Amino acid sequence: MSLNGRTALVTGSTQGIGLAIAEALACAGAQVVLHGIEAAEQGQAVAARLQEQTGARCAYVQADLADETAAAGLVAAAAAALAPIDILVNNAGIQHTCPIAEFPAARWNAILAINLSSAFHTMKAALPGMRARGWGRIVNIASVHGLVASVNKSAYLAAKHGLVGLSKGVALETAAEGITVNCICPGWTDTALIQPQIEARAAAFGGDRQAGIRELLREKQPNLTLLPPSHIGEVAVFLCGPAAAGITGVALPVDGGWTAQ
């Protein structure tokens, strides 16, 4: 599963699933460009820690992916920081839960921009170099909500379903060019993104976080266990490795049985 000699860009990678993916890629031998919205010194500190832990060259690039120009320029900025990008992981995402009747238009626009449109811009920017080199791996972190629905998540559902469809289309466009494009669709994963939902459930149990987690997962995820982000990182490494060269255009659930129901 060695990725020696490859350079990866992982968006939204200073914490959570993104950082776990960056760690897994670095451990597999890739050099990694991390991305976030933190100030340069904060992001560079995360990259320095990852480089020290793994021995892989790491760098950090700051960009607000809600800005179309910044998203479109991220691949070039990452290449300038380390090297041309062979592996692109679109992980950056935000969430807002609310009934559609009360859903703020500004939150809708932000979720679509960051969770979907930014992936369009980064893929468009990365593909010419991948095509020129005859090799590329694109892994888009969608969600189980790219495959099925839940209430009060209209914007997130639209973005993640859109990301799955976008990935399938680009996979077909690049299928004969040594490039694969796939989605990972995580279920409930232990990240900051779902903490507000856990806290809301925990409030009904006197603030008991574990009770809140059990109540949240009981509705959807049969294994009743929050997924460690490292599991998503390991799946990403597999999709970038030689054993997955024939896998393209898939939306792979890593969801504790959620979509098996």
Protein backbone atom coordinates (compact mmCIF):
# COMPACT_ATOMS: atom_id res chain seq x y z
CA MET A 1 0.00 0.00 0.00
CA SER A 2 3.02 2.29 -0.37
CA LEU A 3 2.32 5.78 -1.66
CA ASN A 4 5.99 6.75 -1.77
CA GLY A 5 6.63 9.52 -4.27
CA ARG A 6 3.04 10.73 -4.29
CA THR A 7 1.84 14.14 -3.11
CA ALA A 8 -1.59 14.53 -1.53
CA LEU A 9 -3.79 17.52 -0.80
CA VAL A 10 -6.46 16.99 1.86
CA THR A 11 -8.97 19.79 2.36
CA GLY A 12 -10.29 20.50 5.83
CA SER A 13 -7.46 18.52 7.37
CA THR A 14 -6.40 20.24 10.59
CA GLN A 15 -8.80 18.13 12.67
CA GLY A 16 -11.29 15.28 12.55
CA ILE A 17 -11.65 13.02 9.54
CA GLY A 18 -9.42 15.23 7.38
CA LEU A 19 -6.51 15.05 9.79
CA ALA A 20 -6.98 11.29 10.15
CA ILE A 21 -6.82 10.92 6.37
CA ALA A 22 -3.71 13.11 6.19
CA GLU A 23 -2.07 10.98 8.89
CA ALA A 24 -2.92 7.74 7.09
CA LEU A 25 -1.61 9.01 3.76
CA ALA A 26 1.59 10.25 5.38
CA CYS A 27 2.10 6.91 7.12
CA ALA A 28 1.68 5.22 3.73
CA GLY A 29 4.56 7.30 2.36
CA ALA A 30 2.85 10.25 0.67
CA GLN A 31 3.91 13.82 1.32
CA VAL A 32 0.86 15.80 2.38
CA VAL A 33 -0.45 19.33 2.05
CA LEU A 34 -2.92 20.11 4.81
CA HIS A 35 -5.59 22.73 4.34
CA GLY A 36 -7.75 24.76 6.69
CA ILE A 37 -9.03 28.22 7.53
CA GLU A 38 -6.75 28.72 10.54
CA ALA A 39 -4.09 31.39 10.54
CA ALA A 40 -0.86 30.31 8.87
CA GLU A 41 1.08 29.77 12.10
CA GLN A 42 -1.64 27.51 13.54
CA GLY A 43 -1.92 25.40 10.42
CA GLN A 44 1.84 25.19 10.02
CA ALA A 45 2.09 23.89 13.57
CA VAL A 46 -0.32 21.04 12.73
CA ALA A 47 1.70 20.23 9.61
CA ALA A 48 4.96 20.30 11.58
CA ARG A 49 3.55 17.85 14.14
CA LEU A 50 2.39 15.51 11.40
CA GLN A 51 5.79 15.67 9.71
CA GLU A 52 7.53 14.89 13.00
CA GLN A 53 5.18 11.98 13.74
CA THR A 54 5.35 10.33 10.31
CA GLY A 55 8.60 11.45 8.71
CA ALA A 56 6.69 12.56 5.62
CA ARG A 57 7.12 16.08 4.21
CA CYS A 58 4.08 18.14 5.16
CA ALA A 59 2.92 21.68 4.50
CA TYR A 60 -0.12 23.82 5.18
CA VAL A 61 -2.17 26.06 2.89
CA GLN A 62 -4.90 28.39 4.14
CA ALA A 63 -7.98 29.04 1.99
CA ASP A 64 -11.63 29.91 2.51
CA LEU A 65 -13.41 27.40 0.28
CA ALA A 66 -16.60 29.44 0.37
CA ASP A 67 -14.70 31.79 -1.95
CA GLU A 68 -14.78 30.43 -5.51
CA THR A 69 -11.43 32.02 -6.41
CA ALA A 70 -9.71 30.59 -3.34
CA ALA A 71 -11.13 27.13 -4.00
CA ALA A 72 -10.06 27.22 -7.64
CA GLY A 73 -6.54 28.31 -6.67
CA LEU A 74 -6.00 25.82 -3.86
CA VAL A 75 -4.42 23.09 -6.00
CA ALA A 76 -1.83 25.50 -7.42
CA ALA A 77 -1.07 26.82 -3.92
CA ALA A 78 -0.60 23.26 -2.65
CA ALA A 79 1.71 22.42 -5.55
CA ALA A 80 3.77 25.52 -4.79
CA ALA A 81 4.01 24.47 -1.15
CA LEU A 82 5.27 20.94 -1.89
CA ALA A 83 4.85 19.43 -5.36
CA PRO A 84 2.23 18.78 -8.05
CA ILE A 85 -0.80 17.01 -6.60
CA ASP A 86 -1.27 13.29 -7.35
CA ILE A 87 -3.93 12.62 -4.71
CA LEU A 88 -6.80 14.98 -3.96
CA VAL A 89 -9.07 14.38 -0.98
CA ASN A 90 -12.03 16.74 -0.73
CA ASN A 91 -13.02 16.52 2.91
CA ALA A 92 -13.86 20.09 3.97
CA GLY A 93 -17.44 20.46 5.09
CA ILE A 94 -19.84 22.30 7.35
CA GLN A 95 -23.27 21.40 8.73
CA HIS A 96 -26.46 23.12 9.85
CA THR A 97 -29.59 21.30 10.97
CA CYS A 98 -32.94 23.04 10.74
CA PRO A 99 -36.37 22.47 9.15
CA ILE A 100 -36.49 23.85 5.62
CA ALA A 101 -39.17 26.38 6.57
CA GLU A 102 -36.67 28.04 8.90
CA PHE A 103 -33.45 27.28 7.03
CA PRO A 104 -31.41 30.48 6.53
CA ALA A 105 -30.54 31.13 2.89
CA ALA A 106 -27.03 32.16 3.90
CA ARG A 107 -26.42 28.75 5.53
CA TRP A 108 -27.75 26.98 2.43
CA ASN A 109 -25.36 28.95 0.23
CA ALA A 110 -22.38 28.32 2.50
CA ILE A 111 -23.01 24.56 2.76
CA LEU A 112 -23.38 24.19 -1.00
CA ALA A 113 -20.25 26.29 -1.61
CA ILE A 114 -17.99 24.44 0.83
CA ASN A 115 -19.39 20.90 0.68
CA LEU A 116 -20.00 20.70 -3.07
CA SER A 117 -18.81 23.59 -5.23
CA SER A 118 -15.31 23.64 -3.75
CA ALA A 119 -14.86 19.99 -4.78
CA PHE A 120 -15.84 20.90 -8.34
CA HIS A 121 -13.22 23.66 -8.37
CA THR A 122 -10.40 21.56 -6.87
CA MET A 123 -11.08 18.60 -9.14
CA LYS A 124 -11.16 20.84 -12.21
CA ALA A 125 -7.81 22.32 -11.16
CA ALA A 126 -6.15 19.00 -10.30
CA LEU A 127 -7.15 16.98 -13.35
CA PRO A 128 -4.86 18.54 -15.99
CA GLY A 129 -1.75 17.60 -14.02
CA MET A 130 -3.07 14.12 -13.24
CA ARG A 131 -3.85 13.57 -16.90
CA ALA A 132 -0.41 14.76 -17.96
CA ARG A 133 1.22 12.30 -15.55
CA GLY A 134 -1.19 9.46 -16.38
CA TRP A 135 -2.04 8.84 -12.72
CA GLY A 136 -4.33 10.38 -10.16
CA ARG A 137 -6.56 9.56 -7.22
CA ILE A 138 -9.52 11.68 -6.15
CA VAL A 139 -11.35 10.73 -2.97
CA ASN A 140 -14.37 12.80 -2.04
CA ILE A 141 -15.67 12.51 1.50
CA ALA A 142 -19.40 12.46 1.03
CA SER A 143 -21.59 10.98 3.75
CA VAL A 144 -24.21 8.36 4.35
CA HIS A 145 -26.40 11.40 3.70
CA GLY A 146 -25.17 11.29 0.12
CA LEU A 147 -27.10 8.02 -0.18
CA VAL A 148 -30.09 8.33 2.16
CA ALA A 149 -31.92 11.16 3.90
CA SER A 150 -32.67 12.41 7.40
CA VAL A 151 -34.91 15.25 8.51
CA ASN A 152 -33.72 18.84 9.00
CA LYS A 153 -30.63 18.47 6.78
CA SER A 154 -31.83 19.77 3.42
CA ALA A 155 -28.65 21.65 2.45
CA TYR A 156 -26.30 18.92 3.65
CA LEU A 157 -28.33 16.30 1.78
CA ALA A 158 -28.32 18.35 -1.40
CA ALA A 159 -24.56 18.88 -1.19
CA LYS A 160 -23.64 15.29 -0.38
CA HIS A 161 -26.00 13.73 -2.91
CA GLY A 162 -24.56 16.20 -5.41
CA LEU A 163 -21.01 15.22 -4.51
CA VAL A 164 -21.78 11.55 -5.14
CA GLY A 165 -23.25 12.39 -8.55
CA LEU A 166 -20.40 14.73 -9.45
CA SER A 167 -17.86 12.04 -8.55
CA LYS A 168 -19.57 9.45 -10.73
CA GLY A 169 -19.57 11.79 -13.70
CA VAL A 170 -15.88 12.71 -13.36
CA ALA A 171 -15.01 9.04 -12.84
CA LEU A 172 -16.53 8.25 -16.23
CA GLU A 173 -14.68 11.15 -17.87
CA THR A 174 -11.32 9.92 -16.55
CA ALA A 175 -11.78 6.13 -16.48
CA ALA A 176 -9.28 5.43 -19.27
CA GLU A 177 -6.64 7.89 -18.06
CA GLY A 178 -5.14 6.21 -14.98
CA ILE A 179 -7.30 8.32 -12.67
CA THR A 180 -9.90 7.09 -10.20
CA VAL A 181 -12.62 9.15 -8.54
CA ASN A 182 -14.51 7.71 -5.59
CA CYS A 183 -16.58 8.77 -2.59
CA ILE A 184 -16.36 7.54 0.97
CA CYS A 185 -19.71 7.82 2.75
CA PRO A 186 -19.14 7.77 6.53
CA GLY A 187 -21.90 7.22 9.05
CA TRP A 188 -21.74 8.74 12.54
CA THR A 189 -18.06 9.45 13.11
CA ASP A 190 -16.48 10.86 16.26
CA THR A 191 -15.76 14.39 15.06
CA ALA A 192 -16.52 17.96 16.06
CA LEU A 193 -19.11 18.21 13.28
CA ILE A 194 -21.66 16.08 15.13
CA GLN A 195 -21.01 17.35 18.66
CA PRO A 196 -23.98 19.76 18.59
CA GLN A 197 -26.29 16.85 17.75
CA ILE A 198 -24.81 14.73 20.55
CA GLU A 199 -25.19 17.56 23.02
CA ALA A 200 -28.82 18.07 22.03
CA ARG A 201 -29.55 14.39 22.69
CA ALA A 202 -27.51 14.38 25.90
CA ALA A 203 -29.59 17.24 27.28
CA ALA A 204 -32.54 14.85 27.54
CA PHE A 205 -30.43 12.63 29.80
CA GLY A 206 -29.19 15.27 32.19
CA GLY A 207 -26.09 16.01 30.08
CA ASP A 208 -24.92 12.37 29.90
CA ARG A 209 -22.84 12.38 26.69
CA GLN A 210 -22.66 8.59 26.35
CA ALA A 211 -26.43 8.35 26.70
CA GLY A 212 -26.77 11.04 24.04
CA ILE A 213 -24.50 9.10 21.68
CA ARG A 214 -26.48 5.89 22.20
CA GLU A 215 -29.75 7.69 21.56
CA LEU A 216 -28.38 9.33 18.40
CA LEU A 217 -26.98 6.10 16.96
CA ARG A 218 -29.97 3.94 17.91
CA GLU A 219 -32.07 5.65 15.24
CA LYS A 220 -29.74 4.92 12.34
CA GLN A 221 -26.48 3.04 12.91
CA PRO A 222 -26.87 -0.64 13.84
CA ASN A 223 -23.39 -1.11 15.28
CA LEU A 224 -24.20 1.56 17.92
CA THR A 225 -20.60 2.77 17.82
CA LEU A 226 -19.17 6.10 16.72
CA LEU A 227 -16.62 5.39 14.01
CA PRO A 228 -13.02 6.43 14.79
CA PRO A 229 -11.82 8.92 12.14
CA SER A 230 -8.77 6.68 11.62
CA HIS A 231 -11.02 4.08 9.96
CA ILE A 232 -11.92 6.58 7.26
CA GLY A 233 -8.23 7.36 6.79
CA GLU A 234 -7.43 3.71 6.23
CA VAL A 235 -10.18 3.39 3.62
CA ALA A 236 -8.83 6.45 1.82
CA VAL A 237 -5.36 4.91 1.68
CA PHE A 238 -6.84 1.73 0.20
CA LEU A 239 -8.64 3.71 -2.52
CA CYS A 240 -5.37 5.43 -3.40
CA GLY A 241 -3.36 2.20 -3.51
CA PRO A 242 -2.73 -0.29 -6.32
CA ALA A 243 -5.38 -2.78 -5.15
CA ALA A 244 -8.08 -0.18 -5.88
CA ALA A 245 -6.87 0.75 -9.37
CA GLY A 246 -10.01 -0.82 -10.85
CA ILE A 247 -12.40 0.91 -8.46
CA THR A 248 -13.81 4.17 -9.76
CA GLY A 249 -17.17 5.92 -9.53
CA VAL A 250 -18.23 4.18 -6.32
CA ALA A 251 -19.81 5.65 -3.21
CA LEU A 252 -18.48 3.40 -0.45
CA PRO A 253 -20.48 3.40 2.80
CA VAL A 254 -18.48 3.14 6.01
CA ASP A 255 -21.55 3.39 8.18
CA GLY A 256 -21.90 0.58 10.71
CA GLY A 257 -24.75 -0.97 8.72
CA TRP A 258 -26.83 2.22 8.32
CA THR A 259 -27.54 1.82 4.58
CA ALA A 260 -28.03 -1.95 4.85
CA GLN A 261 -31.42 -1.38 6.44
